[in-house]
Amino acid sequence: MEDKRSFGQKMDEFLLKDSTFILLIMGAAAAIFAGTFMYLKFGTGAFNDISIVAMLKEGIDTGDYAAAAAFAAGFLIARILEGPLVGLLDIGGSLQTGVGIGLPALFLSMGWDLPFSNFFVALLAGAVIGLVLGAVIMIIRKLMPEGVAVGGTSVMMGAGNATGRYLAPLIVLAAASYNVYAGLGAVIGAAAFYKWGKEMTGGAILGAMIIGGIFI
């Protein structure tokens, strides 16, 4: 029997699967954790506000990671518990702050240098962290009483508020100024997400990363 669903409908169904959510979390966590590795190695690359990165920098300078670990890990735990209840996972608090600052600070305070031995190990470590987080969130959702969980857990890409929708043109311009392929990817991604009724900001970011990465 011929499947008459449109590509957009198939994509929506794919994105709403639990396994897809976990894959997205793994990819985001891998990139963010690797970004922190870049910061530790080269002094740039962390996916966080300057004030939060300063906590990690203080730990690097003094050897005391308590502030970064406690602050960021607290955000991570709160967002993991919040996500299944409200139907949204705040990437800023859970991944950028928790995975990008809290867990690295915790690992460094314990003397675990292996996750930061090289870029590919950092990517793998971040992906494993994302797998665990995604699985935990899905388990919490399954355990929620009937009517408490709100549909499928979504992912906020870019700014976690209404201003995020206005970032797409800026991202396209920034990608185009960096590389013509990244700019082309940002345009294609933004157009595709607009066609699917999704936030163009996320499409511009993903398009720039995918097409820019392929041709660079």
Protein backbone atom coordinates (compact mmCIF):
# COMPACT_ATOMS: atom_id res chain seq x y z
CA MET A 1 0.00 0.00 0.00
CA GLU A 2 1.42 3.37 -1.02
CA ASP A 3 2.31 5.73 1.81
CA LYS A 4 0.61 9.03 0.93
CA ARG A 5 2.01 11.03 3.82
CA SER A 6 3.98 14.13 2.83
CA PHE A 7 7.67 14.49 3.61
CA GLY A 8 6.80 17.08 6.26
CA GLN A 9 4.40 14.68 7.98
CA LYS A 10 6.99 11.91 7.96
CA MET A 11 9.58 14.30 9.36
CA ASP A 12 7.20 15.41 12.13
CA GLU A 13 6.56 11.78 13.09
CA PHE A 14 10.30 11.06 13.08
CA LEU A 15 11.10 14.08 15.26
CA LEU A 16 8.43 13.11 17.81
CA LYS A 17 9.85 9.65 18.42
CA ASP A 18 11.53 9.01 21.78
CA SER A 19 14.59 7.56 20.04
CA THR A 20 14.96 10.71 17.91
CA PHE A 21 14.86 12.87 21.02
CA ILE A 22 17.67 10.84 22.55
CA LEU A 23 19.72 11.11 19.33
CA LEU A 24 19.26 14.89 19.32
CA ILE A 25 20.35 15.13 22.94
CA MET A 26 23.39 12.98 22.20
CA GLY A 27 24.42 15.22 19.31
CA ALA A 28 23.91 18.43 21.26
CA ALA A 29 25.71 17.12 24.35
CA ALA A 30 28.62 15.86 22.24
CA ALA A 31 29.05 19.26 20.57
CA ILE A 32 28.78 21.18 23.84
CA PHE A 33 31.18 18.91 25.74
CA ALA A 34 33.65 19.11 22.85
CA GLY A 35 33.28 22.90 22.94
CA THR A 36 34.36 22.87 26.56
CA PHE A 37 37.36 20.74 25.58
CA MET A 38 38.26 23.41 23.02
CA TYR A 39 38.03 26.04 25.74
CA LEU A 40 40.29 24.04 28.06
CA LYS A 41 42.77 23.44 25.25
CA PHE A 42 42.72 26.74 23.34
CA GLY A 43 40.86 29.21 25.57
CA THR A 44 37.78 29.53 23.32
CA GLY A 45 34.82 27.43 22.25
CA ALA A 46 32.61 27.07 25.35
CA PHE A 47 28.85 27.31 24.68
CA ASN A 48 28.01 29.46 27.69
CA ASP A 49 27.65 33.00 28.98
CA ILE A 50 30.88 34.70 30.00
CA SER A 51 29.85 34.80 33.67
CA ILE A 52 29.29 31.03 33.76
CA VAL A 53 32.51 30.22 31.89
CA ALA A 54 34.30 32.44 34.43
CA MET A 55 33.40 29.91 37.13
CA LEU A 56 35.18 27.18 35.18
CA LYS A 57 38.12 29.51 34.52
CA GLU A 58 38.41 30.18 38.24
CA GLY A 59 38.55 26.45 38.85
CA ILE A 60 41.28 26.04 36.23
CA ASP A 61 43.31 28.85 37.83
CA THR A 62 42.82 27.85 41.47
CA GLY A 63 42.09 24.13 41.31
CA ASP A 64 38.79 24.67 43.17
CA TYR A 65 35.89 23.65 40.92
CA ALA A 66 33.23 23.69 43.64
CA ALA A 67 31.42 26.83 42.44
CA ALA A 68 31.19 25.72 38.80
CA ALA A 69 30.25 22.14 39.65
CA ALA A 70 27.59 23.02 42.21
CA PHE A 71 25.97 25.85 40.23
CA ALA A 72 25.92 24.12 36.85
CA ALA A 73 25.09 20.63 38.14
CA GLY A 74 22.14 22.13 40.02
CA PHE A 75 20.82 23.55 36.76
CA LEU A 76 21.25 20.18 35.08
CA ILE A 77 19.31 18.26 37.71
CA ALA A 78 16.51 20.85 37.83
CA ARG A 79 16.08 20.86 34.05
CA ILE A 80 16.07 17.06 33.81
CA LEU A 81 13.25 16.92 36.35
CA GLU A 82 11.44 19.85 34.76
CA GLY A 83 11.58 18.65 31.14
CA PRO A 84 9.18 15.70 31.36
CA LEU A 85 6.71 17.78 33.39
CA VAL A 86 6.45 20.89 31.23
CA GLY A 87 7.22 19.26 27.87
CA LEU A 88 10.31 21.36 27.15
CA LEU A 89 14.00 20.75 27.69
CA ASP A 90 15.88 24.01 28.20
CA ILE A 91 19.15 23.51 26.32
CA GLY A 92 20.73 26.52 28.01
CA GLY A 93 20.28 25.25 31.56
CA SER A 94 20.48 21.50 31.05
CA LEU A 95 23.10 21.07 28.32
CA GLN A 96 25.08 24.27 27.87
CA THR A 97 25.38 24.92 31.60
CA GLY A 98 25.10 21.40 33.02
CA VAL A 99 26.98 19.37 30.41
CA GLY A 100 29.23 22.21 29.26
CA ILE A 101 30.33 23.51 32.66
CA GLY A 102 28.98 21.43 35.56
CA LEU A 103 30.07 17.95 34.52
CA PRO A 104 33.49 19.05 33.18
CA ALA A 105 34.12 20.88 36.46
CA LEU A 106 33.07 17.78 38.38
CA PHE A 107 35.31 15.52 36.28
CA LEU A 108 38.29 17.85 36.62
CA SER A 109 37.80 18.14 40.39
CA MET A 110 37.95 14.33 40.58
CA GLY A 111 41.07 14.19 38.42
CA TRP A 112 39.32 12.58 35.45
CA ASP A 113 41.39 13.89 32.57
CA LEU A 114 40.50 11.14 30.07
CA PRO A 115 37.33 12.85 28.71
CA PHE A 116 39.53 15.81 27.75
CA SER A 117 42.45 13.88 26.27
CA ASN A 118 41.54 14.85 22.68
CA PHE A 119 38.69 16.25 20.61
CA PHE A 120 37.22 12.91 19.49
CA VAL A 121 37.26 11.47 23.00
CA ALA A 122 35.45 14.62 24.17
CA LEU A 123 32.83 14.12 21.45
CA LEU A 124 32.35 10.50 22.49
CA ALA A 125 32.15 11.41 26.18
CA GLY A 126 29.54 14.08 25.42
CA ALA A 127 27.50 11.64 23.33
CA VAL A 128 27.51 9.09 26.17
CA ILE A 129 26.42 11.80 28.61
CA GLY A 130 23.64 12.78 26.20
CA LEU A 131 22.54 9.15 25.89
CA VAL A 132 22.26 8.85 29.66
CA LEU A 133 20.40 12.16 30.00
CA GLY A 134 17.99 11.34 27.18
CA ALA A 135 17.28 7.91 28.63
CA VAL A 136 16.70 9.34 32.12
CA ILE A 137 14.27 11.97 30.77
CA MET A 138 12.35 9.33 28.82
CA ILE A 139 12.17 7.07 31.87
CA ILE A 140 10.84 9.94 34.00
CA ARG A 141 8.21 10.64 31.35
CA LYS A 142 7.12 7.01 31.31
CA LEU A 143 6.82 6.99 35.10
CA MET A 144 4.71 10.15 35.25
CA PRO A 145 1.06 9.57 36.20
CA GLU A 146 -1.51 9.85 33.43
CA GLY A 147 -2.13 13.47 32.47
CA VAL A 148 0.91 14.92 34.23
CA ALA A 149 3.42 14.74 31.38
CA VAL A 150 2.72 17.19 28.56
CA GLY A 151 2.82 15.38 25.22
CA GLY A 152 6.20 14.81 23.64
CA THR A 153 9.20 16.52 25.16
CA SER A 154 10.34 19.24 22.80
CA VAL A 155 13.73 20.87 22.40
CA MET A 156 14.23 24.61 22.39
CA MET A 157 16.91 25.57 19.89
CA GLY A 158 18.63 28.92 20.11
CA ALA A 159 17.16 31.47 22.53
CA GLY A 160 14.67 30.00 24.94
CA ASN A 161 12.10 32.75 24.42
CA ALA A 162 10.18 34.59 21.70
CA THR A 163 13.23 36.59 20.59
CA GLY A 164 14.79 33.38 19.28
CA ARG A 165 12.75 33.56 16.06
CA TYR A 166 14.55 36.77 15.06
CA LEU A 167 17.99 35.17 15.28
CA ALA A 168 17.72 33.25 11.98
CA PRO A 169 18.72 36.15 9.67
CA LEU A 170 21.67 36.98 11.94
CA ILE A 171 22.79 33.35 11.91
CA VAL A 172 22.55 33.24 8.10
CA LEU A 173 24.65 36.40 7.82
CA ALA A 174 27.23 35.12 10.29
CA ALA A 175 27.46 31.76 8.50
CA ALA A 176 27.81 33.44 5.09
CA SER A 177 30.58 35.71 6.36
CA TYR A 178 32.43 32.66 7.67
CA ASN A 179 32.17 30.43 4.59
CA VAL A 180 30.03 30.34 1.45
CA TYR A 181 29.05 26.70 2.06
CA ALA A 182 28.06 27.38 5.67
CA GLY A 183 26.00 30.35 4.48
CA LEU A 184 24.29 28.24 1.80
CA GLY A 185 23.56 25.55 4.37
CA ALA A 186 22.07 28.12 6.75
CA VAL A 187 19.76 29.44 4.02
CA ILE A 188 18.64 25.92 3.03
CA GLY A 189 18.12 24.87 6.64
CA ALA A 190 16.13 28.00 7.51
CA ALA A 191 13.94 27.61 4.41
CA ALA A 192 13.30 23.92 5.15
CA PHE A 193 12.31 24.61 8.76
CA TYR A 194 10.04 27.47 7.63
CA LYS A 195 8.33 25.07 5.21
CA TRP A 196 7.81 22.54 8.04
CA GLY A 197 6.44 25.21 10.39
CA LYS A 198 9.45 25.00 12.71
CA GLU A 199 11.66 27.76 14.12
CA MET A 200 14.01 28.90 11.37
CA THR A 201 16.79 29.52 13.90
CA GLY A 202 17.30 25.80 14.47
CA GLY A 203 17.23 25.08 10.73
CA ALA A 204 19.84 27.76 10.01
CA ILE A 205 22.16 26.37 12.68
CA LEU A 206 21.79 22.75 11.56
CA GLY A 207 22.10 23.61 7.87
CA ALA A 208 25.28 25.63 8.42
CA MET A 209 26.79 22.82 10.52
CA ILE A 210 25.89 19.99 8.13
CA ILE A 211 26.63 21.50 4.71
CA GLY A 212 29.49 23.63 6.00
CA GLY A 213 31.01 20.56 7.65
CA ILE A 214 30.69 18.44 4.51
CA PHE A 215 32.45 20.88 2.21
CA ILE A 216 35.01 22.20 4.70
